[in-house]
């Protein structure tokens, strides 16, 4: 299976964020070393309790659906949903 590109990972993560919470914005997807991992930089608008910006790491070697599920679960964990 091929890797999701950074733009594909960013687009998928933004879809998840929009569906989970409108105050969550995925700002960027960046490489994590020389691996299939990517770091997503996430901002939480109107945040009153730190952290208001998250950097979360995900594996891009999974399918789009698996990647999106991982992002969903991580956002729910960090947002207390």
N, C-alpha and C. Protein backbone atom coordinates (compact mmCIF):
# COMPACT_ATOMS: atom_id res chain seq x y z
N UNK A 1 0.84 -1.18 0.00
CA UNK A 1 0.00 0.00 0.00
C UNK A 1 0.89 1.24 0.00
N UNK A 2 0.53 2.23 -0.77
CA UNK A 2 1.34 3.44 -0.84
C UNK A 2 0.98 4.39 0.31
N UNK A 3 1.91 5.28 0.58
CA UNK A 3 1.70 6.28 1.64
C UNK A 3 0.71 7.34 1.20
N UNK A 4 -0.07 7.84 2.14
CA UNK A 4 -0.84 9.04 1.87
C UNK A 4 0.17 10.18 1.72
N UNK A 5 -0.06 11.05 0.77
CA UNK A 5 0.81 12.22 0.65
C UNK A 5 0.49 13.17 1.81
N UNK A 6 1.36 14.14 2.03
CA UNK A 6 1.09 15.10 3.10
C UNK A 6 -0.19 15.87 2.83
N UNK A 7 -0.44 16.21 1.57
CA UNK A 7 -1.67 16.95 1.25
C UNK A 7 -2.90 16.06 1.45
N UNK A 8 -2.80 14.76 1.13
CA UNK A 8 -3.92 13.84 1.38
C UNK A 8 -4.16 13.68 2.88
N UNK A 9 -3.09 13.57 3.65
CA UNK A 9 -3.21 13.45 5.10
C UNK A 9 -3.83 14.71 5.69
N UNK A 10 -3.39 15.86 5.21
CA UNK A 10 -3.92 17.13 5.70
C UNK A 10 -5.41 17.25 5.37
N UNK A 11 -5.78 16.92 4.15
CA UNK A 11 -7.18 16.98 3.73
C UNK A 11 -8.04 16.04 4.57
N UNK A 12 -7.58 14.82 4.78
CA UNK A 12 -8.33 13.85 5.57
C UNK A 12 -8.48 14.33 7.02
N UNK A 13 -7.40 14.84 7.59
CA UNK A 13 -7.45 15.33 8.97
C UNK A 13 -8.39 16.53 9.10
N UNK A 14 -8.39 17.39 8.11
CA UNK A 14 -9.30 18.54 8.14
C UNK A 14 -10.76 18.10 8.07
N UNK A 15 -11.04 17.08 7.28
CA UNK A 15 -12.40 16.53 7.21
C UNK A 15 -12.84 16.02 8.57
N UNK A 16 -11.95 15.28 9.23
CA UNK A 16 -12.25 14.74 10.56
C UNK A 16 -12.49 15.88 11.54
N UNK A 17 -11.60 16.86 11.55
CA UNK A 17 -11.71 17.96 12.50
C UNK A 17 -13.03 18.71 12.31
N UNK A 18 -13.40 18.98 11.07
CA UNK A 18 -14.65 19.70 10.79
C UNK A 18 -15.86 18.91 11.29
N UNK A 19 -15.81 17.60 11.15
CA UNK A 19 -16.92 16.76 11.60
C UNK A 19 -16.97 16.63 13.13
N UNK A 20 -15.81 16.64 13.77
CA UNK A 20 -15.74 16.44 15.22
C UNK A 20 -16.04 17.70 16.02
N UNK A 21 -15.48 18.83 15.60
CA UNK A 21 -15.61 20.05 16.40
C UNK A 21 -15.23 21.24 15.53
N UNK A 22 -16.16 22.17 15.30
CA UNK A 22 -15.86 23.32 14.43
C UNK A 22 -14.77 24.24 14.96
N UNK A 23 -14.41 24.14 16.24
CA UNK A 23 -13.36 25.00 16.79
C UNK A 23 -11.96 24.41 16.56
N UNK A 24 -11.89 23.22 15.98
CA UNK A 24 -10.60 22.55 15.74
C UNK A 24 -10.17 22.82 14.31
N UNK A 25 -8.95 23.32 14.16
CA UNK A 25 -8.39 23.59 12.84
C UNK A 25 -7.06 22.86 12.70
N UNK A 26 -6.96 22.04 11.67
CA UNK A 26 -5.70 21.38 11.37
C UNK A 26 -4.91 22.34 10.49
N UNK A 27 -3.80 22.84 11.02
CA UNK A 27 -3.03 23.89 10.37
C UNK A 27 -2.07 23.33 9.33
N UNK A 28 -1.39 22.22 9.67
CA UNK A 28 -0.36 21.69 8.76
C UNK A 28 -0.11 20.23 9.02
N UNK A 29 0.45 19.58 8.01
CA UNK A 29 0.98 18.22 8.13
C UNK A 29 2.45 18.30 7.77
N UNK A 30 3.30 17.81 8.65
CA UNK A 30 4.74 17.89 8.43
C UNK A 30 5.37 16.51 8.55
N UNK A 31 6.52 16.30 7.91
CA UNK A 31 7.18 14.99 8.00
C UNK A 31 7.74 14.75 9.39
N UNK A 32 7.82 13.49 9.75
CA UNK A 32 8.42 13.08 11.02
C UNK A 32 9.63 12.24 10.67
N UNK A 33 10.78 12.87 10.53
CA UNK A 33 11.99 12.15 10.17
C UNK A 33 11.88 11.56 8.77
N UNK A 34 12.49 10.42 8.57
CA UNK A 34 12.47 9.75 7.27
C UNK A 34 11.57 8.53 7.34
N UNK A 35 10.38 8.71 7.84
CA UNK A 35 9.48 7.59 8.03
C UNK A 35 8.14 7.88 7.38
N UNK A 36 7.19 6.99 7.59
CA UNK A 36 5.85 7.17 7.06
C UNK A 36 4.98 8.00 8.01
N UNK A 37 5.58 8.49 9.08
CA UNK A 37 4.82 9.27 10.05
C UNK A 37 4.69 10.72 9.61
N UNK A 38 3.63 11.34 10.05
CA UNK A 38 3.44 12.77 9.85
C UNK A 38 2.96 13.38 11.16
N UNK A 39 3.36 14.60 11.39
CA UNK A 39 2.86 15.35 12.53
C UNK A 39 1.80 16.30 12.03
N UNK A 40 0.66 16.31 12.70
CA UNK A 40 -0.40 17.26 12.40
C UNK A 40 -0.36 18.35 13.45
N UNK A 41 -0.36 19.59 13.01
CA UNK A 41 -0.39 20.73 13.92
C UNK A 41 -1.84 21.20 13.97
N UNK A 42 -2.40 21.18 15.18
CA UNK A 42 -3.83 21.42 15.37
C UNK A 42 -4.03 22.58 16.33
N UNK A 43 -4.89 23.51 15.95
CA UNK A 43 -5.21 24.67 16.78
C UNK A 43 -6.66 24.54 17.25
N UNK A 44 -6.91 24.88 18.50
CA UNK A 44 -8.26 24.85 19.05
C UNK A 44 -8.67 26.29 19.32
N UNK A 45 -9.57 26.82 18.50
CA UNK A 45 -10.02 28.20 18.62
C UNK A 45 -10.87 28.37 19.87
N UNK A 46 -10.74 29.53 20.50
CA UNK A 46 -11.53 29.83 21.69
C UNK A 46 -11.16 28.99 22.90
N UNK A 47 -9.99 28.42 22.87
CA UNK A 47 -9.52 27.55 23.94
C UNK A 47 -9.21 28.39 25.18
N UNK A 48 -9.68 27.90 26.33
CA UNK A 48 -9.41 28.60 27.58
C UNK A 48 -8.55 27.79 28.52
N UNK A 49 -8.27 26.54 28.17
CA UNK A 49 -7.46 25.65 28.99
C UNK A 49 -6.37 25.06 28.10
N UNK A 50 -5.11 25.24 28.51
CA UNK A 50 -3.99 24.69 27.74
C UNK A 50 -4.04 23.17 27.72
N UNK A 51 -3.58 22.51 26.70
CA UNK A 51 -2.96 23.09 25.51
C UNK A 51 -4.00 23.48 24.47
N UNK A 52 -3.79 24.60 23.83
CA UNK A 52 -4.68 25.09 22.79
C UNK A 52 -4.14 24.77 21.40
N UNK A 53 -2.92 24.32 21.35
CA UNK A 53 -2.30 23.86 20.10
C UNK A 53 -1.69 22.50 20.37
N UNK A 54 -2.02 21.56 19.50
CA UNK A 54 -1.53 20.19 19.64
C UNK A 54 -0.65 19.82 18.46
N UNK A 55 0.31 18.97 18.70
CA UNK A 55 1.10 18.35 17.64
C UNK A 55 0.97 16.85 17.87
N UNK A 56 0.27 16.19 16.94
CA UNK A 56 0.00 14.76 17.06
C UNK A 56 0.62 14.02 15.89
N UNK A 57 1.12 12.83 16.15
CA UNK A 57 1.82 12.05 15.13
C UNK A 57 0.96 10.88 14.67
N UNK A 58 0.89 10.68 13.35
CA UNK A 58 0.11 9.61 12.76
C UNK A 58 0.91 8.93 11.66
N UNK A 59 0.55 7.68 11.38
CA UNK A 59 1.19 6.89 10.34
C UNK A 59 0.43 7.06 9.03
N UNK A 60 1.14 7.47 7.98
CA UNK A 60 0.51 7.68 6.66
C UNK A 60 0.48 6.42 5.82
N UNK A 61 1.02 5.31 6.33
CA UNK A 61 1.04 4.08 5.53
C UNK A 61 -0.29 3.34 5.58
N UNK A 62 -1.18 3.76 6.44
CA UNK A 62 -2.51 3.14 6.53
C UNK A 62 -3.41 3.68 5.41
N UNK A 63 -4.53 3.03 5.22
CA UNK A 63 -5.51 3.53 4.25
C UNK A 63 -6.06 4.86 4.74
N UNK A 64 -6.69 5.60 3.86
CA UNK A 64 -7.31 6.88 4.24
C UNK A 64 -8.31 6.68 5.37
N UNK A 65 -9.10 5.62 5.28
CA UNK A 65 -10.12 5.35 6.30
C UNK A 65 -9.48 5.07 7.65
N UNK A 66 -8.44 4.26 7.67
CA UNK A 66 -7.75 3.94 8.93
C UNK A 66 -7.08 5.19 9.49
N UNK A 67 -6.46 6.00 8.62
CA UNK A 67 -5.84 7.25 9.03
C UNK A 67 -6.88 8.16 9.68
N UNK A 68 -8.04 8.29 9.02
CA UNK A 68 -9.09 9.17 9.54
C UNK A 68 -9.62 8.67 10.88
N UNK A 69 -9.75 7.36 11.04
CA UNK A 69 -10.21 6.80 12.32
C UNK A 69 -9.19 7.09 13.42
N UNK A 70 -7.92 6.99 13.12
CA UNK A 70 -6.88 7.29 14.11
C UNK A 70 -6.94 8.76 14.53
N UNK A 71 -7.13 9.64 13.56
CA UNK A 71 -7.24 11.08 13.86
C UNK A 71 -8.48 11.33 14.70
N UNK A 72 -9.60 10.71 14.33
CA UNK A 72 -10.85 10.86 15.09
C UNK A 72 -10.66 10.46 16.54
N UNK A 73 -10.10 9.28 16.77
CA UNK A 73 -9.92 8.79 18.14
C UNK A 73 -8.98 9.69 18.94
N UNK A 74 -7.92 10.16 18.30
CA UNK A 74 -6.96 11.02 18.99
C UNK A 74 -7.59 12.36 19.35
N UNK A 75 -8.35 12.95 18.43
CA UNK A 75 -9.01 14.22 18.74
C UNK A 75 -10.01 14.04 19.87
N UNK A 76 -10.77 12.97 19.84
CA UNK A 76 -11.74 12.73 20.91
C UNK A 76 -11.04 12.59 22.25
N UNK A 77 -9.91 11.90 22.28
CA UNK A 77 -9.16 11.74 23.51
C UNK A 77 -8.65 13.08 24.02
N UNK A 78 -8.06 13.88 23.13
CA UNK A 78 -7.48 15.16 23.55
C UNK A 78 -8.53 16.23 23.85
N UNK A 79 -9.70 16.11 23.25
CA UNK A 79 -10.76 17.10 23.48
C UNK A 79 -11.73 16.65 24.56
N UNK A 80 -11.52 15.45 25.07
CA UNK A 80 -12.39 14.95 26.13
C UNK A 80 -13.79 14.60 25.66
N UNK A 81 -13.91 14.26 24.38
CA UNK A 81 -15.23 13.92 23.85
C UNK A 81 -15.57 12.47 24.08
